[in-house]
Amino acid sequence: MIQINYRDGRPIYEQVRDGFRQLILSGVLPPDSKMPSVRELASSLAINPNTIQRAYRELEAEGCICSVPGRGSFICRTDAALQARRAELTEKLRAAAADLRALGLTDGDIAALIKEGNE
């Protein structure tokens, strides 16, 4: 489900958050399905439960999951989360495109790079 790469420069909680976010937004984890408990996931990944808790808090703040006291965390309806993520990535793409233009690439070059990434 989620894999941790210790050579990745990102903190572990970000890897967990991003892994679950990808699974949720792609539909692999459908709405209303139960997330693994913090202890269960921490044990299976052999990492500190506080790390999982931080990833879950961020996913909840993004609207990807909802916590129900005494029952656990569940996947929320993701329309708002999907729109927020799309807006975030669009802004990052715009910033990257501006940086590439500053380095001398044309819009055609940038479009070719994007198309290349889809193949």
PDB file of N, CA and C in Angstrom:
ATOM      1  N   MET A   1       0.834  -1.185   0.000  1.00  0.00           N
ATOM      2  CA  MET A   1       0.000   0.000   0.000  1.00  0.00           C
ATOM      3  C   MET A   1       0.877   1.246   0.000  1.00  0.00           C
ATOM      4  N   ILE A   2       1.502   1.567   1.108  1.00  0.00           N
ATOM      5  CA  ILE A   2       2.390   2.712   1.222  1.00  0.00           C
ATOM      6  C   ILE A   2       3.797   2.175   1.437  1.00  0.00           C
ATOM      7  N   GLN A   3       4.746   2.750   0.703  1.00  0.00           N
ATOM      8  CA  GLN A   3       6.134   2.348   0.885  1.00  0.00           C
ATOM      9  C   GLN A   3       6.961   3.565   1.277  1.00  0.00           C
ATOM     10  N   ILE A   4       7.884   3.346   2.172  1.00  0.00           N
ATOM     11  CA  ILE A   4       8.766   4.404   2.645  1.00  0.00           C
ATOM     12  C   ILE A   4      10.113   4.237   1.966  1.00  0.00           C
ATOM     13  N   ASN A   5      10.631   5.342   1.421  1.00  0.00           N
ATOM     14  CA  ASN A   5      11.944   5.342   0.800  1.00  0.00           C
ATOM     15  C   ASN A   5      12.857   6.168   1.695  1.00  0.00           C
ATOM     16  N   TYR A   6      13.781   5.512   2.369  1.00  0.00           N
ATOM     17  CA  TYR A   6      14.651   6.206   3.309  1.00  0.00           C
ATOM     18  C   TYR A   6      15.702   7.062   2.608  1.00  0.00           C
ATOM     19  N   ARG A   7      15.841   6.901   1.307  1.00  0.00           N
ATOM     20  CA  ARG A   7      16.768   7.741   0.535  1.00  0.00           C
ATOM     21  C   ARG A   7      16.093   9.003   0.009  1.00  0.00           C
ATOM     22  N   ASP A   8      14.775   9.043   0.107  1.00  0.00           N
ATOM     23  CA  ASP A   8      14.011  10.218  -0.312  1.00  0.00           C
ATOM     24  C   ASP A   8      14.328  11.363   0.648  1.00  0.00           C
ATOM     25  N   GLY A   9      14.502  12.549   0.130  1.00  0.00           N
ATOM     26  CA  GLY A   9      14.830  13.697   0.959  1.00  0.00           C
ATOM     27  C   GLY A   9      13.666  14.220   1.776  1.00  0.00           C
ATOM     28  N   ARG A  10      12.434  13.780   1.431  1.00  0.00           N
ATOM     29  CA  ARG A  10      11.258  14.251   2.162  1.00  0.00           C
ATOM     30  C   ARG A  10      11.127  13.520   3.494  1.00  0.00           C
ATOM     31  N   PRO A  11      10.575  14.199   4.498  1.00  0.00           N
ATOM     32  CA  PRO A  11      10.314  13.508   5.770  1.00  0.00           C
ATOM     33  C   PRO A  11       9.350  12.333   5.571  1.00  0.00           C
ATOM     34  N   ILE A  12       9.416  11.382   6.469  1.00  0.00           N
ATOM     35  CA  ILE A  12       8.591  10.178   6.346  1.00  0.00           C
ATOM     36  C   ILE A  12       7.108  10.516   6.383  1.00  0.00           C
ATOM     37  N   TYR A  13       6.700  11.458   7.248  1.00  0.00           N
ATOM     38  CA  TYR A  13       5.268  11.783   7.327  1.00  0.00           C
ATOM     39  C   TYR A  13       4.766  12.324   5.990  1.00  0.00           C
ATOM     40  N   GLU A  14       5.606  13.061   5.258  1.00  0.00           N
ATOM     41  CA  GLU A  14       5.203  13.570   3.946  1.00  0.00           C
ATOM     42  C   GLU A  14       5.061  12.435   2.938  1.00  0.00           C
ATOM     43  N   GLN A  15       5.941  11.456   3.017  1.00  0.00           N
ATOM     44  CA  GLN A  15       5.840  10.298   2.128  1.00  0.00           C
ATOM     45  C   GLN A  15       4.550   9.533   2.389  1.00  0.00           C
ATOM     46  N   VAL A  16       4.207   9.368   3.664  1.00  0.00           N
ATOM     47  CA  VAL A  16       2.962   8.679   4.033  1.00  0.00           C
ATOM     48  C   VAL A  16       1.766   9.489   3.545  1.00  0.00           C
ATOM     49  N   ARG A  17       1.763  10.791   3.834  1.00  0.00           N
ATOM     50  CA  ARG A  17       0.666  11.664   3.417  1.00  0.00           C
ATOM     51  C   ARG A  17       0.503  11.642   1.899  1.00  0.00           C
ATOM     52  N   ASP A  18       1.607  11.821   1.180  1.00  0.00           N
ATOM     53  CA  ASP A  18       1.534  11.863  -0.279  1.00  0.00           C
ATOM     54  C   ASP A  18       1.101  10.525  -0.870  1.00  0.00           C
ATOM     55  N   GLY A  19       1.553   9.429  -0.256  1.00  0.00           N
ATOM     56  CA  GLY A  19       1.153   8.104  -0.724  1.00  0.00           C
ATOM     57  C   GLY A  19      -0.342   7.889  -0.573  1.00  0.00           C
ATOM     58  N   PHE A  20      -0.874   8.230   0.588  1.00  0.00           N
ATOM     59  CA  PHE A  20      -2.317   8.086   0.801  1.00  0.00           C
ATOM     60  C   PHE A  20      -3.100   9.062  -0.063  1.00  0.00           C
ATOM     61  N   ARG A  21      -2.602  10.284  -0.199  1.00  0.00           N
ATOM     62  CA  ARG A  21      -3.297  11.267  -1.031  1.00  0.00           C
ATOM     63  C   ARG A  21      -3.433  10.735  -2.461  1.00  0.00           C
ATOM     64  N   GLN A  22      -2.366  10.162  -2.977  1.00  0.00           N
ATOM     65  CA  GLN A  22      -2.400   9.608  -4.338  1.00  0.00           C
ATOM     66  C   GLN A  22      -3.407   8.462  -4.435  1.00  0.00           C
ATOM     67  N   LEU A  23      -3.425   7.584  -3.452  1.00  0.00           N
ATOM     68  CA  LEU A  23      -4.372   6.466  -3.455  1.00  0.00           C
ATOM     69  C   LEU A  23      -5.813   6.950  -3.357  1.00  0.00           C
ATOM     70  N   ILE A  24      -6.034   7.993  -2.577  1.00  0.00           N
ATOM     71  CA  ILE A  24      -7.385   8.529  -2.403  1.00  0.00           C
ATOM     72  C   ILE A  24      -7.856   9.238  -3.663  1.00  0.00           C
ATOM     73  N   LEU A  25      -7.030  10.151  -4.179  1.00  0.00           N
ATOM     74  CA  LEU A  25      -7.442  10.941  -5.336  1.00  0.00           C
ATOM     75  C   LEU A  25      -7.554  10.107  -6.605  1.00  0.00           C
ATOM     76  N   SER A  26      -6.807   9.013  -6.683  1.00  0.00           N
ATOM     77  CA  SER A  26      -6.897   8.147  -7.863  1.00  0.00           C
ATOM     78  C   SER A  26      -8.070   7.176  -7.771  1.00  0.00           C
ATOM     79  N   GLY A  27      -8.715   7.102  -6.596  1.00  0.00           N
ATOM     80  CA  GLY A  27      -9.869   6.227  -6.441  1.00  0.00           C
ATOM     81  C   GLY A  27      -9.539   4.824  -5.965  1.00  0.00           C
ATOM     82  N   VAL A  28      -8.252   4.543  -5.741  1.00  0.00           N
ATOM     83  CA  VAL A  28      -7.865   3.225  -5.227  1.00  0.00           C
ATOM     84  C   VAL A  28      -8.492   2.995  -3.860  1.00  0.00           C
ATOM     85  N   LEU A  29      -8.508   4.050  -3.034  1.00  0.00           N
ATOM     86  CA  LEU A  29      -9.205   3.992  -1.746  1.00  0.00           C
ATOM     87  C   LEU A  29     -10.511   4.768  -1.907  1.00  0.00           C
ATOM     88  N   PRO A  30     -11.630   4.070  -1.997  1.00  0.00           N
ATOM     89  CA  PRO A  30     -12.908   4.742  -2.257  1.00  0.00           C
ATOM     90  C   PRO A  30     -13.449   5.488  -1.037  1.00  0.00           C
ATOM     91  N   PRO A  31     -14.332   6.464  -1.269  1.00  0.00           N
ATOM     92  CA  PRO A  31     -14.944   7.194  -0.155  1.00  0.00           C
ATOM     93  C   PRO A  31     -15.609   6.249   0.838  1.00  0.00           C
ATOM     94  N   ASP A  32     -15.557   6.624   2.090  1.00  0.00           N
ATOM     95  CA  ASP A  32     -16.148   5.898   3.218  1.00  0.00           C
ATOM     96  C   ASP A  32     -15.382   4.648   3.621  1.00  0.00           C
ATOM     97  N   SER A  33     -14.268   4.327   2.928  1.00  0.00           N
ATOM     98  CA  SER A  33     -13.492   3.165   3.372  1.00  0.00           C
ATOM     99  C   SER A  33     -12.646   3.564   4.572  1.00  0.00           C
ATOM    100  N   LYS A  34     -12.381   2.593   5.441  1.00  0.00           N
ATOM    101  CA  LYS A  34     -11.664   2.848   6.689  1.00  0.00           C
ATOM    102  C   LYS A  34     -10.165   2.846   6.437  1.00  0.00           C
ATOM    103  N   MET A  35      -9.505   3.838   7.014  1.00  0.00           N
ATOM    104  CA  MET A  35      -8.044   3.905   6.973  1.00  0.00           C
ATOM    105  C   MET A  35      -7.481   2.934   8.008  1.00  0.00           C
ATOM    106  N   PRO A  36      -6.254   2.446   7.792  1.00  0.00           N
ATOM    107  CA  PRO A  36      -5.634   1.614   8.833  1.00  0.00           C
ATOM    108  C   PRO A  36      -5.457   2.444  10.107  1.00  0.00           C
ATOM    109  N   SER A  37      -5.531   1.798  11.243  1.00  0.00           N
ATOM    110  CA  SER A  37      -5.319   2.538  12.491  1.00  0.00           C
ATOM    111  C   SER A  37      -3.876   3.029  12.534  1.00  0.00           C
ATOM    112  N   VAL A  38      -3.649   4.056  13.325  1.00  0.00           N
ATOM    113  CA  VAL A  38      -2.310   4.626  13.449  1.00  0.00           C
ATOM    114  C   VAL A  38      -1.329   3.559  13.931  1.00  0.00           C
ATOM    115  N   ARG A  39      -1.714   2.829  14.951  1.00  0.00           N
ATOM    116  CA  ARG A  39      -0.817   1.794  15.497  1.00  0.00           C
ATOM    117  C   ARG A  39      -0.560   0.676  14.495  1.00  0.00           C
ATOM    118  N   GLU A  40      -1.608   0.258  13.811  1.00  0.00           N
ATOM    119  CA  GLU A  40      -1.480  -0.814  12.824  1.00  0.00           C
ATOM    120  C   GLU A  40      -0.519  -0.407  11.701  1.00  0.00           C
ATOM    121  N   LEU A  41      -0.704   0.798  11.168  1.00  0.00           N
ATOM    122  CA  LEU A  41       0.141   1.265  10.075  1.00  0.00           C
ATOM    123  C   LEU A  41       1.568   1.500  10.551  1.00  0.00           C
ATOM    124  N   ALA A  42       1.723   2.084  11.736  1.00  0.00           N
ATOM    125  CA  ALA A  42       3.063   2.316  12.282  1.00  0.00           C
ATOM    126  C   ALA A  42       3.802   0.998  12.467  1.00  0.00           C
ATOM    127  N   SER A  43       3.090  -0.011  12.933  1.00  0.00           N
ATOM    128  CA  SER A  43       3.697  -1.322  13.124  1.00  0.00           C
ATOM    129  C   SER A  43       4.087  -1.950  11.791  1.00  0.00           C
ATOM    130  N   SER A  44       3.209  -1.877  10.801  1.00  0.00           N
ATOM    131  CA  SER A  44       3.504  -2.516   9.508  1.00  0.00           C
ATOM    132  C   SER A  44       4.631  -1.807   8.761  1.00  0.00           C
ATOM    133  N   LEU A  45       4.769  -0.488   8.966  1.00  0.00           N
ATOM    134  CA  LEU A  45       5.839   0.259   8.309  1.00  0.00           C
ATOM    135  C   LEU A  45       7.086   0.387   9.179  1.00  0.00           C
ATOM    136  N   ALA A  46       6.983  -0.056  10.426  1.00  0.00           N
ATOM    137  CA  ALA A  46       8.079   0.011  11.393  1.00  0.00           C
ATOM    138  C   ALA A  46       8.554   1.452  11.588  1.00  0.00           C
ATOM    139  N   ILE A  47       7.577   2.343  11.793  1.00  0.00           N
ATOM    140  CA  ILE A  47       7.902   3.743  12.080  1.00  0.00           C
ATOM    141  C   ILE A  47       7.103   4.209  13.291  1.00  0.00           C
ATOM    142  N   ASN A  48       7.470   5.354  13.812  1.00  0.00           N
ATOM    143  CA  ASN A  48       6.848   5.898  15.015  1.00  0.00           C
ATOM    144  C   ASN A  48       5.375   6.252  14.754  1.00  0.00           C
ATOM    145  N   PRO A  49       4.467   5.889  15.677  1.00  0.00           N
ATOM    146  CA  PRO A  49       3.052   6.243  15.510  1.00  0.00           C
ATOM    147  C   PRO A  49       2.814   7.747  15.389  1.00  0.00           C
ATOM    148  N   ASN A  50       3.663   8.561  16.015  1.00  0.00           N
ATOM    149  CA  ASN A  50       3.500  10.008  15.902  1.00  0.00           C
ATOM    150  C   ASN A  50       3.679  10.480  14.457  1.00  0.00           C
ATOM    151  N   THR A  51       4.517   9.785  13.718  1.00  0.00           N
ATOM    152  CA  THR A  51       4.733  10.115  12.313  1.00  0.00           C
ATOM    153  C   THR A  51       3.455   9.871  11.513  1.00  0.00           C
ATOM    154  N   ILE A  52       2.802   8.744  11.769  1.00  0.00           N
ATOM    155  CA  ILE A  52       1.542   8.423  11.091  1.00  0.00           C
ATOM    156  C   ILE A  52       0.475   9.419  11.504  1.00  0.00           C
ATOM    157  N   GLN A  53       0.431   9.733  12.792  1.00  0.00           N
ATOM    158  CA  GLN A  53      -0.566  10.684  13.295  1.00  0.00           C
ATOM    159  C   GLN A  53      -0.419  12.034  12.606  1.00  0.00           C
ATOM    160  N   ARG A  54       0.807  12.476  12.393  1.00  0.00           N
ATOM    161  CA  ARG A  54       1.024  13.765  11.723  1.00  0.00           C
ATOM    162  C   ARG A  54       0.541  13.702  10.268  1.00  0.00           C
ATOM    163  N   ALA A  55       0.822  12.608   9.580  1.00  0.00           N
ATOM    164  CA  ALA A  55       0.357  12.451   8.201  1.00  0.00           C
ATOM    165  C   ALA A  55      -1.170  12.453   8.159  1.00  0.00           C
ATOM    166  N   TYR A  56      -1.811  11.754   9.090  1.00  0.00           N
ATOM    167  CA  TYR A  56      -3.273  11.716   9.141  1.00  0.00           C
ATOM    168  C   TYR A  56      -3.856  13.105   9.431  1.00  0.00           C
ATOM    169  N   ARG A  57      -3.224  13.854  10.339  1.00  0.00           N
ATOM    170  CA  ARG A  57      -3.696  15.219  10.642  1.00  0.00           C
ATOM    171  C   ARG A  57      -3.673  16.085   9.390  1.00  0.00           C
ATOM    172  N   GLU A  58      -2.601  15.975   8.616  1.00  0.00           N
ATOM    173  CA  GLU A  58      -2.496  16.781   7.400  1.00  0.00           C
ATOM    174  C   GLU A  58      -3.521  16.343   6.359  1.00  0.00           C
ATOM    175  N   LEU A  59      -3.737  15.032   6.237  1.00  0.00           N
ATOM    176  CA  LEU A  59      -4.756  14.540   5.300  1.00  0.00           C
ATOM    177  C   LEU A  59      -6.143  15.022   5.715  1.00  0.00           C
ATOM    178  N   GLU A  60      -6.375  15.079   7.019  1.00  0.00           N
ATOM    179  CA  GLU A  60      -7.670  15.561   7.504  1.00  0.00           C
ATOM    180  C   GLU A  60      -7.823  17.061   7.233  1.00  0.00           C
ATOM    181  N   ALA A  61      -6.756  17.817   7.425  1.00  0.00           N
ATOM    182  CA  ALA A  61      -6.796  19.255   7.159  1.00  0.00           C
ATOM    183  C   ALA A  61      -7.054  19.531   5.675  1.00  0.00           C
ATOM    184  N   GLU A  62      -6.587  18.646   4.802  1.00  0.00           N
ATOM    185  CA  GLU A  62      -6.796  18.782   3.360  1.00  0.00           C
ATOM    186  C   GLU A  62      -8.181  18.323   2.927  1.00  0.00           C
ATOM    187  N   GLY A  63      -8.894  17.660   3.828  1.00  0.00           N
ATOM    188  CA  GLY A  63     -10.225  17.167   3.486  1.00  0.00           C
ATOM    189  C   GLY A  63     -10.229  15.799   2.843  1.00  0.00           C
ATOM    190  N   CYS A  64      -9.109  15.092   2.899  1.00  0.00           N
ATOM    191  CA  CYS A  64      -9.028  13.758   2.295  1.00  0.00           C
ATOM    192  C   CYS A  64      -9.605  12.679   3.205  1.00  0.00           C
ATOM    193  N   ILE A  65      -9.394  12.847   4.517  1.00  0.00           N
ATOM    194  CA  ILE A  65      -9.928  11.874   5.465  1.00  0.00           C
ATOM    195  C   ILE A  65     -10.703  12.601   6.561  1.00  0.00           C
ATOM    196  N   CYS A  66     -11.566  11.844   7.230  1.00  0.00           N
ATOM    197  CA  CYS A  66     -12.355  12.357   8.351  1.00  0.00           C
ATOM    198  C   CYS A  66     -12.154  11.409   9.524  1.00  0.00           C
ATOM    199  N   SER A  67     -11.917  11.969  10.698  1.00  0.00           N
ATOM    200  CA  SER A  67     -11.755  11.144  11.896  1.00  0.00           C
ATOM    201  C   SER A  67     -13.067  11.092  12.654  1.00  0.00           C
ATOM    202  N   VAL A  68     -13.425   9.900  13.088  1.00  0.00           N
ATOM    203  CA  VAL A  68     -14.623   9.693  13.894  1.00  0.00           C
ATOM    204  C   VAL A  68     -14.146   9.163  15.248  1.00  0.00           C
ATOM    205  N   PRO A  69     -14.319   9.952  16.308  1.00  0.00           N
ATOM    206  CA  PRO A  69     -13.831   9.517  17.617  1.00  0.00           C
ATOM    207  C   PRO A  69     -14.344   8.124  17.990  1.00  0.00           C
ATOM    208  N   GLY A  70     -13.406   7.279  18.387  1.00  0.00           N
ATOM    209  CA  GLY A  70     -13.751   5.929  18.798  1.00  0.00           C
ATOM    210  C   GLY A  70     -13.914   4.940  17.656  1.00  0.00           C
ATOM    211  N   ARG A  71     -13.949   5.410  16.420  1.00  0.00           N
ATOM    212  CA  ARG A  71     -14.143   4.502  15.279  1.00  0.00           C
ATOM    213  C   ARG A  71     -12.965   4.500  14.316  1.00  0.00           C
ATOM    214  N   GLY A  72     -12.193   5.589  14.265  1.00  0.00           N
ATOM    215  CA  GLY A  72     -11.039   5.646  13.377  1.00  0.00           C
ATOM    216  C   GLY A  72     -11.175   6.720  12.319  1.00  0.00           C
ATOM    217  N   SER A  73     -10.367   6.599  11.293  1.00  0.00           N
ATOM    218  CA  SER A  73     -10.360   7.563  10.198  1.00  0.00           C
ATOM    219  C   SER A  73     -10.907   6.916   8.943  1.00  0.00           C
ATOM    220  N   PHE A  74     -11.646   7.707   8.166  1.00  0.00           N
ATOM    221  CA  PHE A  74     -12.296   7.215   6.956  1.00  0.00           C
ATOM    222  C   PHE A  74     -12.014   8.161   5.801  1.00  0.00           C
ATOM    223  N   ILE A  75     -12.051   7.621   4.597  1.00  0.00           N
ATOM    224  CA  ILE A  75     -11.871   8.424   3.393  1.00  0.00           C
ATOM    225  C   ILE A  75     -13.117   9.278   3.213  1.00  0.00           C
ATOM    226  N   CYS A  76     -12.920  10.583   3.024  1.00  0.00           N
ATOM    227  CA  CYS A  76     -14.033  11.505   2.801  1.00  0.00           C
ATOM    228  C   CYS A  76     -14.362  11.556   1.321  1.00  0.00           C
ATOM    229  N   ARG A  77     -15.508  12.102   1.016  1.00  0.00           N
ATOM    230  CA  ARG A  77     -15.828  12.410  -0.381  1.00  0.00           C
ATOM    231  C   ARG A  77     -14.745  13.361  -0.860  1.00  0.00           C
ATOM    232  N   THR A  78     -14.142  13.110  -1.976  1.00  0.00           N
ATOM    233  CA  THR A  78     -12.914  13.805  -2.340  1.00  0.00           C
ATOM    234  C   THR A  78     -13.072  14.946  -3.338  1.00  0.00           C
ATOM    235  N   ASP A  79     -14.295  15.376  -3.647  1.00  0.00           N
ATOM    236  CA  ASP A  79     -14.455  16.444  -4.626  1.00  0.00           C
ATOM    237  C   ASP A  79     -13.694  17.712  -4.219  1.00  0.00           C
ATOM    238  N   ALA A  80     -13.855  18.152  -2.991  1.00  0.00           N
ATOM    239  CA  ALA A  80     -13.174  19.372  -2.532  1.00  0.00           C
ATOM    240  C   ALA A  80     -11.668  19.148  -2.474  1.00  0.00           C
ATOM    241  N   ALA A  81     -11.254  17.982  -1.984  1.00  0.00           N
ATOM    242  CA  ALA A  81      -9.828  17.680  -1.900  1.00  0.00           C
ATOM    243  C   ALA A  81      -9.214  17.609  -3.294  1.00  0.00           C
ATOM    244  N   LEU A  82      -9.957  17.030  -4.232  1.00  0.00           N
ATOM    245  CA  LEU A  82      -9.469  16.922  -5.603  1.00  0.00           C
ATOM    246  C   LEU A  82      -9.304  18.303  -6.220  1.00  0.00           C
ATOM    247  N   GLN A  83     -10.271  19.168  -6.020  1.00  0.00           N
ATOM    248  CA  GLN A  83     -10.180  20.529  -6.559  1.00  0.00           C
ATOM    249  C   GLN A  83      -9.034  21.302  -5.915  1.00  0.00           C
ATOM    250  N   ALA A  84      -8.848  21.148  -4.619  1.00  0.00           N
ATOM    251  CA  ALA A  84      -7.760  21.842  -3.930  1.00  0.00           C
ATOM    252  C   ALA A  84      -6.406  21.351  -4.426  1.00  0.00           C
ATOM    253  N   ARG A  85      -6.273  20.042  -4.598  1.00  0.00           N
ATOM    254  CA  ARG A  85      -5.011  19.477  -5.089  1.00  0.00           C
ATOM    255  C   ARG A  85      -4.744  19.925  -6.518  1.00  0.00           C
ATOM    256  N   ARG A  86      -5.785  19.953  -7.340  1.00  0.00           N
ATOM    257  CA  ARG A  86      -5.649  20.401  -8.726  1.00  0.00           C
ATOM    258  C   ARG A  86      -5.170  21.853  -8.757  1.00  0.00           C
ATOM    259  N   ALA A  87      -5.752  22.707  -7.918  1.00  0.00           N
ATOM    260  CA  ALA A  87      -5.349  24.114  -7.863  1.00  0.00           C
ATOM    261  C   ALA A  87      -3.896  24.250  -7.403  1.00  0.00           C
ATOM    262  N   GLU A  88      -3.521  23.459  -6.405  1.00  0.00           N
ATOM    263  CA  GLU A  88      -2.143  23.491  -5.889  1.00  0.00           C
ATOM    264  C   GLU A  88      -1.146  23.092  -6.978  1.00  0.00           C
ATOM    265  N   LEU A  89      -1.449  22.007  -7.683  1.00  0.00           N
ATOM    266  CA  LEU A  89      -0.540  21.537  -8.733  1.00  0.00           C
ATOM    267  C   LEU A  89      -0.515  22.476  -9.925  1.00  0.00           C
ATOM    268  N   THR A  90      -1.648  23.079 -10.242  1.00  0.00           N
ATOM    269  CA  THR A  90      -1.695  24.051 -11.335  1.00  0.00           C
ATOM    270  C   THR A  90      -0.792  25.231 -11.029  1.00  0.00           C
ATOM    271  N   GLU A  91      -0.829  25.702  -9.787  1.00  0.00           N
ATOM    272  CA  GLU A  91       0.025  26.818  -9.401  1.00  0.00           C
ATOM    273  C   GLU A  91       1.499  26.430  -9.480  1.00  0.00           C
ATOM    274  N   LYS A  92       1.824  25.217  -9.039  1.00  0.00           N
ATOM    275  CA  LYS A  92       3.212  24.752  -9.131  1.00  0.00           C
ATOM    276  C   LYS A  92       3.657  24.654 -10.584  1.00  0.00           C
ATOM    277  N   LEU A  93       2.765  24.191 -11.459  1.00  0.00           N
ATOM    278  CA  LEU A  93       3.087  24.079 -12.882  1.00  0.00           C
ATOM    279  C   LEU A  93       3.317  25.460 -13.483  1.00  0.00           C
ATOM    280  N   ARG A  94       2.481  26.415 -13.118  1.00  0.00           N
ATOM    281  CA  ARG A  94       2.662  27.787 -13.617  1.00  0.00           C
ATOM    282  C   ARG A  94       4.007  28.353 -13.181  1.00  0.00           C
ATOM    283  N   ALA A  95       4.370  28.127 -11.922  1.00  0.00           N
ATOM    284  CA  ALA A  95       5.650  28.620 -11.416  1.00  0.00           C
ATOM    285  C   ALA A  95       6.818  27.941 -12.130  1.00  0.00           C
ATOM    286  N   ALA A  96       6.713  26.634 -12.339  1.00  0.00           N
ATOM    287  CA  ALA A  96       7.775  25.914 -13.039  1.00  0.00           C
ATOM    288  C   ALA A  96       7.888  26.391 -14.483  1.00  0.00           C
ATOM    289  N   ALA A  97       6.746  26.612 -15.130  1.00  0.00           N
ATOM    290  CA  ALA A  97       6.757  27.107 -16.510  1.00  0.00           C
ATOM    291  C   ALA A  97       7.415  28.482 -16.580  1.00  0.00           C
ATOM    292  N   ALA A  98       7.134  29.342 -15.619  1.00  0.00           N
ATOM    293  CA  ALA A  98       7.756  30.670 -15.592  1.00  0.00           C
ATOM    294  C   ALA A  98       9.273  30.549 -15.426  1.00  0.00           C
ATOM    295  N   ASP A  99       9.707  29.633 -14.557  1.00  0.00           N
ATOM    296  CA  ASP A  99      11.140  29.416 -14.367  1.00  0.00           C
ATOM    297  C   ASP A  99      11.789  28.890 -15.649  1.00  0.00           C
ATOM    298  N   LEU A 100      11.108  27.965 -16.327  1.00  0.00           N
ATOM    299  CA  LEU A 100      11.645  27.412 -17.576  1.00  0.00           C
ATOM    300  C   LEU A 100      11.718  28.478 -18.667  1.00  0.00           C
ATOM    301  N   ARG A 101      10.711  29.340 -18.719  1.00  0.00           N
ATOM    302  CA  ARG A 101      10.755  30.447 -19.693  1.00  0.00           C
ATOM    303  C   ARG A 101      11.931  31.364 -19.409  1.00  0.00           C
ATOM    304  N   ALA A 102      12.180  31.623 -18.124  1.00  0.00           N
ATOM    305  CA  ALA A 102      13.307  32.476 -17.737  1.00  0.00           C
ATOM    306  C   ALA A 102      14.640  31.860 -18.142  1.00  0.00           C
ATOM    307  N   LEU A 103      14.662  30.534 -18.263  1.00  0.00           N
ATOM    308  CA  LEU A 103      15.877  29.826 -18.688  1.00  0.00           C
ATOM    309  C   LEU A 103      15.975  29.702 -20.206  1.00  0.00           C
ATOM    310  N   GLY A 104      14.978  30.270 -20.899  1.00  0.00           N
ATOM    311  CA  GLY A 104      15.056  30.311 -22.355  1.00  0.00           C
ATOM    312  C   GLY A 104      14.213  29.296 -23.097  1.00  0.00           C
ATOM    313  N   LEU A 105      13.450  28.472 -22.408  1.00  0.00           N
ATOM    314  CA  LEU A 105      12.594  27.517 -23.103  1.00  0.00           C
ATOM    315  C   LEU A 105      11.353  28.226 -23.638  1.00  0.00           C
ATOM    316  N   THR A 106      10.876  27.765 -24.764  1.00  0.00           N
ATOM    317  CA  THR A 106       9.662  28.325 -25.348  1.00  0.00           C
ATOM    318  C   THR A 106       8.458  27.573 -24.805  1.00  0.00           C
ATOM    319  N   ASP A 107       7.266  28.127 -25.052  1.00  0.00           N
ATOM    320  CA  ASP A 107       6.041  27.440 -24.641  1.00  0.00           C
ATOM    321  C   ASP A 107       5.933  26.084 -25.331  1.00  0.00           C
ATOM    322  N   GLY A 108       6.400  26.011 -26.573  1.00  0.00           N
ATOM    323  CA  GLY A 108       6.397  24.731 -27.295  1.00  0.00           C
ATOM    324  C   GLY A 108       7.293  23.708 -26.634  1.00  0.00           C
ATOM    325  N   ASP A 109       8.474  24.151 -26.165  1.00  0.00           N
ATOM    326  CA  ASP A 109       9.387  23.250 -25.453  1.00  0.00           C
ATOM    327  C   ASP A 109       8.751  22.729 -24.173  1.00  0.00           C
ATOM    328  N   ILE A 110       8.077  23.633 -23.444  1.00  0.00           N
ATOM    329  CA  ILE A 110       7.433  23.265 -22.169  1.00  0.00           C
ATOM    330  C   ILE A 110       6.283  22.288 -22.439  1.00  0.00           C
ATOM    331  N   ALA A 111       5.494  22.564 -23.468  1.00  0.00           N
ATOM    332  CA  ALA A 111       4.397  21.655 -23.823  1.00  0.00           C
ATOM    333  C   ALA A 111       4.946  20.277 -24.196  1.00  0.00           C
ATOM    334  N   ALA A 112       6.074  20.243 -24.914  1.00  0.00           N
ATOM    335  CA  ALA A 112       6.680  18.967 -25.292  1.00  0.00           C
ATOM    336  C   ALA A 112       7.136  18.195 -24.046  1.00  0.00           C
ATOM    337  N   LEU A 113       7.686  18.904 -23.051  1.00  0.00           N
ATOM    338  CA  LEU A 113       8.088  18.265 -21.820  1.00  0.00           C
ATOM    339  C   LEU A 113       6.901  17.641 -21.092  1.00  0.00           C
ATOM    340  N   ILE A 114       5.796  18.384 -21.065  1.00  0.00           N
ATOM    341  CA  ILE A 114       4.591  17.882 -20.405  1.00  0.00           C
ATOM    342  C   ILE A 114       4.065  16.663 -21.138  1.00  0.00           C
ATOM    343  N   LYS A 115       4.040  16.749 -22.462  1.00  0.00           N
ATOM    344  CA  LYS A 115       3.561  15.621 -23.272  1.00  0.00           C
ATOM    345  C   LYS A 115       4.453  14.409 -23.076  1.00  0.00           C
ATOM    346  N   GLU A 116       5.761  14.638 -22.965  1.00  0.00           N
ATOM    347  CA  GLU A 116       6.730  13.575 -22.739  1.00  0.00           C
ATOM    348  C   GLU A 116       6.439  12.829 -21.441  1.00  0.00           C
ATOM    349  N   GLY A 117       6.017  13.575 -20.415  1.00  0.00           N
ATOM    350  CA  GLY A 117       5.711  12.982 -19.119  1.00  0.00           C
ATOM    351  C   GLY A 117       4.485  12.093 -19.143  1.00  0.00           C
ATOM    352  N   ASN A 118       3.630  12.248 -20.134  1.00  0.00           N
ATOM    353  CA  ASN A 118       2.413  11.438 -20.240  1.00  0.00           C
ATOM    354  C   ASN A 118       2.632  10.149 -21.013  1.00  0.00           C
ATOM    355  N   GLU A 119       3.774   9.988 -21.598  1.00  0.00           N
ATOM    356  CA  GLU A 119       4.023   8.788 -22.422  1.00  0.00           C
ATOM    357  C   GLU A 119       4.663   7.684 -21.646  1.00  0.00           C
TER     358      GLU A 119
END
